[in-house]
Amino acid sequence: MRKVVLDTETTGLDPKQGHRIIEVAAIEMDGRKVSKRTFHRYLNPEREIDEGAAAVHGLTLDRLLDEPKFAEVAPAFLEFIASAELIIHNAPFDIGFLNAELALAGLPSLNNQVTDTLKVAKELHPGKKNNLNALCDRYQIDNSHRTLHGALLDTELLAEVYLAMTRGQESLLGEESGDEDGVQFAANGEAIHLSVRLLPASEDELALHCAQLEEIEKASKGACVWKRLDEQV
C-alpha cells in the first residue's frame, strides 16, 4: 500500500474549541525511500492563534491572511492522500483536526489506514521520551535545523524516523539486498516470519559429520550429546 507521511500545525490544541489548521504537509514514500512528491499548504484559519501555539510554530494570523482556506485546498489534499496509509506522529491529534476541517467544508471524514508512530515508538522504547526530537536523537537523524515546529520539516524528519524504526532485520541484510527470506518486522515491532530455503547436506558432508561425531564419542567416552540427538532423528 502507498504510504504518505503527514503533519499539521494548528491555532491551538482542540478543534472542538474552534481551533483550525494553519499548515498541512504530506510526503509520499517510495518503498523504503522518501520521494520528491509532496503536498504543502499554509492556510488562513479565520481566527486568532493562541500564544502557546504561536510559540511552537512561529506562525501569526497576519502572516496567513492571504493564504487559502482549508476548503479551497481540500480537493487537492484528498487527491494526494487517496488510498494511502497515513504515517502520523500522535495521529489522533492530526486526524481530529483534519476531520473537523473536512466537516466544516461539507466533506466526509478520512477513512485511510493510519499508523501512529508515537504508539509504535512507545512500544519499541517504553518509559523513554518519544517526541520527534527525542526520536531524531535516538536514531541519529540530524534535526539541528528544527528551531521551530513546521509541518513540512516535521514530515521530512518523521519519514526518516519511520524508516529507522521499521528497519528491523533489514539492517542485517542490507536494504537493497532484495532477500525476502528470514525475518522482517512490522511497524508494531512484531516479527513476520517468511519462507526460508533449506539446503540439504550432501552425502559426503553427512559422512564427514558422522565421522566427526564418532571421534567426539570416543574422546568423551560415550558422552557425545550430538550423537544421541542424531540417533533420535
Protein backbone atom coordinates (compact mmCIF):
# COMPACT_ATOMS: atom_id res chain seq x y z
CA MET A 1 0.00 0.00 0.00
CA ARG A 2 1.13 3.52 -0.82
CA LYS A 3 2.38 5.40 2.26
CA VAL A 4 2.18 9.13 2.98
CA VAL A 5 3.80 10.86 5.96
CA LEU A 6 1.59 13.70 7.23
CA ASP A 7 1.71 16.56 9.75
CA THR A 8 -0.28 19.69 10.61
CA GLU A 9 0.20 22.89 12.57
CA THR A 10 -2.80 24.50 14.26
CA THR A 11 -4.07 27.59 16.08
CA GLY A 12 -4.43 25.63 19.32
CA LEU A 13 -4.93 22.21 20.85
CA ASP A 14 -8.61 21.35 20.40
CA PRO A 15 -10.76 21.58 17.24
CA LYS A 16 -13.86 21.31 19.46
CA GLN A 17 -12.94 24.76 20.79
CA GLY A 18 -12.92 26.17 17.27
CA HIS A 19 -9.20 25.83 16.62
CA ARG A 20 -8.15 25.40 12.99
CA ILE A 21 -5.33 24.03 10.84
CA ILE A 22 -2.86 26.65 9.61
CA GLU A 23 -0.36 24.38 7.83
CA VAL A 24 -0.63 20.90 6.34
CA ALA A 25 2.14 18.88 4.74
CA ALA A 26 2.40 15.37 3.31
CA ILE A 27 5.26 13.43 1.74
CA GLU A 28 4.85 10.29 -0.32
CA MET A 29 7.12 7.34 0.39
CA ASP A 30 8.71 5.43 -2.48
CA GLY A 31 9.26 1.99 -0.99
CA ARG A 32 11.96 2.40 1.66
CA LYS A 33 12.85 5.91 0.50
CA VAL A 34 11.36 9.40 0.74
CA SER A 35 10.10 10.52 -2.66
CA LYS A 36 10.05 14.04 -4.06
CA ARG A 37 6.24 14.09 -4.25
CA THR A 38 4.92 16.44 -1.58
CA PHE A 39 1.80 18.39 -0.68
CA HIS A 40 2.30 21.58 1.37
CA ARG A 41 -0.02 24.48 2.08
CA TYR A 42 -0.25 27.32 4.58
CA LEU A 43 -3.87 28.16 5.45
CA ASN A 44 -5.87 31.13 6.63
CA PRO A 45 -7.56 29.93 9.85
CA GLU A 46 -10.00 32.84 10.01
CA ARG A 47 -9.31 33.23 13.71
CA GLU A 48 -6.59 34.26 16.14
CA ILE A 49 -3.73 31.93 17.02
CA ASP A 50 -3.11 31.02 20.67
CA GLU A 51 0.14 32.42 22.08
CA GLY A 52 1.27 28.95 23.14
CA ALA A 53 0.76 27.57 19.65
CA ALA A 54 2.49 30.54 18.02
CA ALA A 55 5.49 29.99 20.29
CA VAL A 56 5.76 26.43 18.94
CA HIS A 57 5.49 27.08 15.20
CA GLY A 58 6.12 30.84 14.90
CA LEU A 59 3.16 31.49 12.58
CA THR A 60 0.92 34.54 13.03
CA LEU A 61 -2.50 35.44 11.67
CA ASP A 62 -1.05 38.44 9.79
CA ARG A 63 1.32 36.06 8.00
CA LEU A 64 -1.59 33.80 6.97
CA LEU A 65 -4.31 36.26 5.95
CA ASP A 66 -3.54 35.96 2.23
CA GLU A 67 -3.30 32.16 2.27
CA PRO A 68 -6.17 29.94 1.02
CA LYS A 69 -8.79 28.50 3.36
CA PHE A 70 -8.81 24.74 4.03
CA ALA A 71 -11.94 24.16 1.96
CA GLU A 72 -10.14 25.60 -1.08
CA VAL A 73 -7.25 23.13 -0.89
CA ALA A 74 -9.26 20.15 0.37
CA PRO A 75 -9.83 18.55 -3.10
CA ALA A 76 -6.11 18.61 -3.95
CA PHE A 77 -5.20 17.36 -0.47
CA LEU A 78 -7.68 14.47 -0.60
CA GLU A 79 -6.43 13.51 -4.06
CA PHE A 80 -2.84 13.43 -2.80
CA ILE A 81 -3.60 11.11 0.15
CA ALA A 82 -6.22 8.96 -1.63
CA SER A 83 -5.90 5.22 -0.84
CA ALA A 84 -2.68 5.83 1.11
CA GLU A 85 -1.69 4.63 4.55
CA LEU A 86 -1.04 7.76 6.61
CA ILE A 87 2.07 7.84 8.81
CA ILE A 88 1.47 10.40 11.59
CA HIS A 89 3.12 11.15 14.93
CA ASN A 90 0.39 11.40 17.59
CA ALA A 91 -2.19 10.59 14.94
CA PRO A 92 -5.38 11.30 16.97
CA PHE A 93 -4.40 14.98 17.15
CA ASP A 94 -3.92 15.48 13.40
CA ILE A 95 -6.80 13.22 12.35
CA GLY A 96 -9.12 15.04 14.76
CA PHE A 97 -8.24 18.41 13.24
CA LEU A 98 -8.43 17.13 9.64
CA ASN A 99 -11.84 15.58 10.18
CA ALA A 100 -13.08 18.80 11.82
CA GLU A 101 -11.89 20.81 8.82
CA LEU A 102 -13.48 18.35 6.39
CA ALA A 103 -16.77 18.59 8.27
CA LEU A 104 -16.70 22.39 8.04
CA ALA A 105 -16.13 22.03 4.30
CA GLY A 106 -19.09 19.65 3.99
CA LEU A 107 -16.86 16.67 3.20
CA PRO A 108 -16.77 13.16 4.74
CA SER A 109 -14.19 12.15 7.33
CA LEU A 110 -10.98 10.38 6.37
CA ASN A 111 -11.12 6.60 6.06
CA ASN A 112 -7.42 5.98 5.39
CA GLN A 113 -5.44 3.36 7.24
CA VAL A 114 -3.32 5.18 9.83
CA THR A 115 -0.05 4.25 11.54
CA ASP A 116 0.66 6.29 14.68
CA THR A 117 4.44 6.49 15.01
CA LEU A 118 4.11 7.73 18.60
CA LYS A 119 2.35 4.49 19.52
CA VAL A 120 4.99 2.48 17.64
CA ALA A 121 7.79 4.37 19.42
CA LYS A 122 6.24 3.76 22.86
CA GLU A 123 6.06 0.04 22.14
CA LEU A 124 9.67 -0.05 20.94
CA HIS A 125 11.05 2.27 23.66
CA PRO A 126 8.80 2.04 26.74
CA GLY A 127 9.49 4.54 29.51
CA LYS A 128 11.57 6.83 27.28
CA LYS A 129 10.85 10.18 25.63
CA ASN A 130 9.33 9.56 22.25
CA ASN A 131 8.68 13.01 20.84
CA LEU A 132 10.12 13.80 17.40
CA ASN A 133 13.27 15.45 18.74
CA ALA A 134 13.99 12.53 21.07
CA LEU A 135 13.50 10.02 18.24
CA CYS A 136 15.79 12.00 15.95
CA ASP A 137 18.48 11.88 18.63
CA ARG A 138 17.92 8.17 19.23
CA TYR A 139 18.19 7.26 15.55
CA GLN A 140 20.96 9.80 14.81
CA ILE A 141 18.87 11.89 12.41
CA ASP A 142 20.07 15.47 12.05
CA ASN A 143 17.37 17.84 13.34
CA SER A 144 19.68 20.76 14.20
CA HIS A 145 17.72 22.98 11.78
CA ARG A 146 14.47 22.39 13.67
CA THR A 147 14.32 25.51 15.84
CA LEU A 148 10.52 25.72 15.46
CA HIS A 149 7.87 23.18 14.55
CA GLY A 150 6.85 23.22 10.88
CA ALA A 151 4.60 20.73 9.11
CA LEU A 152 6.84 20.24 6.07
CA LEU A 153 10.08 19.96 8.03
CA ASP A 154 8.44 17.65 10.56
CA THR A 155 7.16 15.29 7.86
CA GLU A 156 10.66 15.08 6.40
CA LEU A 157 12.12 14.20 9.80
CA LEU A 158 9.28 11.82 10.64
CA ALA A 159 9.78 9.96 7.37
CA GLU A 160 13.42 9.30 8.33
CA VAL A 161 12.39 8.27 11.85
CA TYR A 162 9.74 5.91 10.47
CA LEU A 163 12.26 4.24 8.18
CA ALA A 164 14.69 3.84 11.09
CA MET A 165 12.04 2.43 13.44
CA THR A 166 10.75 -0.10 10.92
CA ARG A 167 14.10 -1.21 9.50
CA GLY A 168 14.27 -4.28 11.76
CA GLN A 169 16.20 -7.21 10.39
CA GLU A 170 16.71 -5.42 7.06
CA SER A 171 19.69 -3.65 8.62
CA LEU A 172 21.46 -7.04 8.75
CA LEU A 173 20.59 -7.99 5.19
CA GLY A 174 21.02 -4.56 3.62
CA GLU A 175 18.04 -2.55 2.46
CA GLU A 176 18.82 -3.08 -1.22
CA SER A 177 19.63 -6.79 -0.93
CA GLY A 178 16.24 -7.90 -2.23
CA ASP A 179 16.46 -11.01 0.00
CA GLU A 180 12.94 -11.85 1.20
CA ASP A 181 13.88 -14.93 3.26
CA GLY A 182 14.16 -14.91 7.05
CA VAL A 183 12.51 -12.45 9.43
CA GLN A 184 11.29 -8.93 8.92
CA PHE A 185 9.46 -6.65 11.36
CA ALA A 186 6.11 -4.90 11.07
CA ALA A 187 5.56 -1.31 12.23
CA ASN A 188 4.32 -2.59 15.61
CA GLY A 189 7.59 -4.43 16.18
CA GLU A 190 6.11 -7.93 15.69
CA ALA A 191 8.17 -10.41 13.71
CA ILE A 192 6.90 -11.54 10.33
CA HIS A 193 8.24 -14.99 9.52
CA LEU A 194 8.80 -15.50 5.83
CA SER A 195 9.68 -18.65 3.89
CA VAL A 196 13.25 -19.93 4.31
CA ARG A 197 15.02 -22.02 1.66
CA LEU A 198 16.68 -25.17 3.10
CA LEU A 199 19.83 -26.61 1.52
CA PRO A 200 20.26 -30.30 2.47
CA ALA A 201 23.75 -31.66 3.15
CA SER A 202 25.39 -33.82 0.50
CA GLU A 203 26.29 -37.49 1.11
CA ASP A 204 29.98 -36.56 1.51
CA GLU A 205 29.12 -33.86 4.04
CA LEU A 206 26.93 -36.29 6.02
CA ALA A 207 29.75 -38.85 6.05
CA LEU A 208 32.21 -36.27 7.39
CA HIS A 209 29.66 -35.25 10.03
CA CYS A 210 29.23 -38.85 11.21
CA ALA A 211 33.00 -39.39 11.34
CA GLN A 212 33.42 -36.25 13.44
CA LEU A 213 30.75 -37.42 15.88
CA GLU A 214 32.46 -40.81 16.23
CA GLU A 215 35.74 -39.11 17.15
CA ILE A 216 33.96 -36.95 19.76
CA GLU A 217 32.17 -40.07 21.08
CA LYS A 218 35.50 -41.85 21.63
CA ALA A 219 37.23 -38.84 23.17
CA SER A 220 34.32 -38.21 25.57
CA LYS A 221 33.95 -41.92 26.43
CA GLY A 222 30.38 -42.19 25.19
CA ALA A 223 29.19 -38.73 26.27
CA CYS A 224 28.67 -37.14 22.85
CA VAL A 225 25.33 -35.35 23.10
CA TRP A 226 25.18 -34.60 19.38
CA LYS A 227 25.45 -38.32 18.56
CA ARG A 228 22.46 -39.08 20.82
CA LEU A 229 20.47 -36.34 19.07
CA ASP A 230 21.38 -37.71 15.63
CA GLU A 231 20.19 -41.15 16.68
CA GLN A 232 16.81 -39.76 17.74
CA VAL A 233 16.15 -38.06 14.41
